[in-house]
């Protein structure tokens, strides 16, 4: 599936944000602690979700339960 279709793709599952304490990047603007997000795609290291900006973003799996 092309990354261009992820916003309209069906949700794979839902995850809950457990923290937004990033060492290198600012993710507190787009992730909310305790909020449930729709997963659109997943790799070994990253989860691609529809974040607070309304766009699909890739985040480390360590941020989610």
Protein backbone atom coordinates (compact mmCIF):
# COMPACT_ATOMS: atom_id res chain seq x y z
CA UNK A 1 0.00 0.00 0.00
CA UNK A 2 1.32 3.43 -0.90
CA UNK A 3 1.91 5.92 1.90
CA UNK A 4 -0.36 8.36 0.03
CA UNK A 5 -3.37 6.14 0.81
CA UNK A 6 -2.75 5.80 4.56
CA UNK A 7 -5.13 8.61 5.60
CA UNK A 8 -8.08 6.88 3.92
CA UNK A 9 -6.96 3.30 4.67
CA UNK A 10 -8.86 1.27 7.27
CA UNK A 11 -7.50 1.32 10.79
CA UNK A 12 -5.35 -1.73 11.66
CA UNK A 13 -5.77 -1.30 15.42
CA UNK A 14 -5.81 1.38 18.10
CA UNK A 15 -2.98 2.32 20.48
CA UNK A 16 -2.81 4.56 23.54
CA UNK A 17 -0.01 7.09 24.05
CA UNK A 18 1.83 6.25 27.27
CA UNK A 19 4.43 9.07 27.14
CA UNK A 20 5.69 11.87 24.91
CA UNK A 21 9.14 12.33 26.43
CA UNK A 22 11.35 12.33 23.35
CA UNK A 23 15.11 12.69 23.70
CA UNK A 24 15.74 14.23 20.31
CA UNK A 25 12.45 15.50 18.84
CA UNK A 26 9.47 17.51 20.09
CA UNK A 27 6.45 15.22 19.94
CA UNK A 28 4.35 16.85 22.67
CA UNK A 29 2.76 19.09 20.03
CA UNK A 30 1.27 16.14 18.14
CA UNK A 31 0.83 13.42 20.79
CA UNK A 32 -1.36 13.62 23.89
CA UNK A 33 -0.71 11.44 26.91
CA UNK A 34 -3.51 8.88 27.37
CA UNK A 35 -5.18 9.56 24.01
CA UNK A 36 -6.11 6.69 21.71
CA UNK A 37 -4.81 6.82 18.12
CA UNK A 38 -5.67 4.90 14.94
CA UNK A 39 -2.80 2.84 13.52
CA UNK A 40 -2.59 3.04 9.73
CA UNK A 41 0.65 1.11 9.18
CA UNK A 42 3.36 -0.54 11.25
CA UNK A 43 6.98 -1.65 10.92
CA UNK A 44 9.37 -3.33 13.36
CA UNK A 45 10.42 -0.02 14.90
CA UNK A 46 7.70 2.50 14.00
CA UNK A 47 3.94 2.95 14.18
CA UNK A 48 2.26 5.25 11.68
CA UNK A 49 -0.78 6.96 13.22
CA UNK A 50 -3.13 9.84 12.56
CA UNK A 51 -1.80 12.31 15.14
CA UNK A 52 -3.27 15.51 16.62
CA UNK A 53 -2.43 17.48 13.46
CA UNK A 54 -4.78 15.24 11.45
CA UNK A 55 -1.94 13.89 9.34
CA UNK A 56 -0.23 10.50 9.36
CA UNK A 57 3.06 10.52 11.26
CA UNK A 58 5.58 7.84 12.14
CA UNK A 59 6.58 7.41 15.79
CA UNK A 60 8.67 4.95 17.76
CA UNK A 61 6.64 2.11 19.28
CA UNK A 62 7.97 3.03 22.72
CA UNK A 63 5.49 5.93 22.91
CA UNK A 64 2.47 3.58 22.82
CA UNK A 65 0.90 0.69 24.71
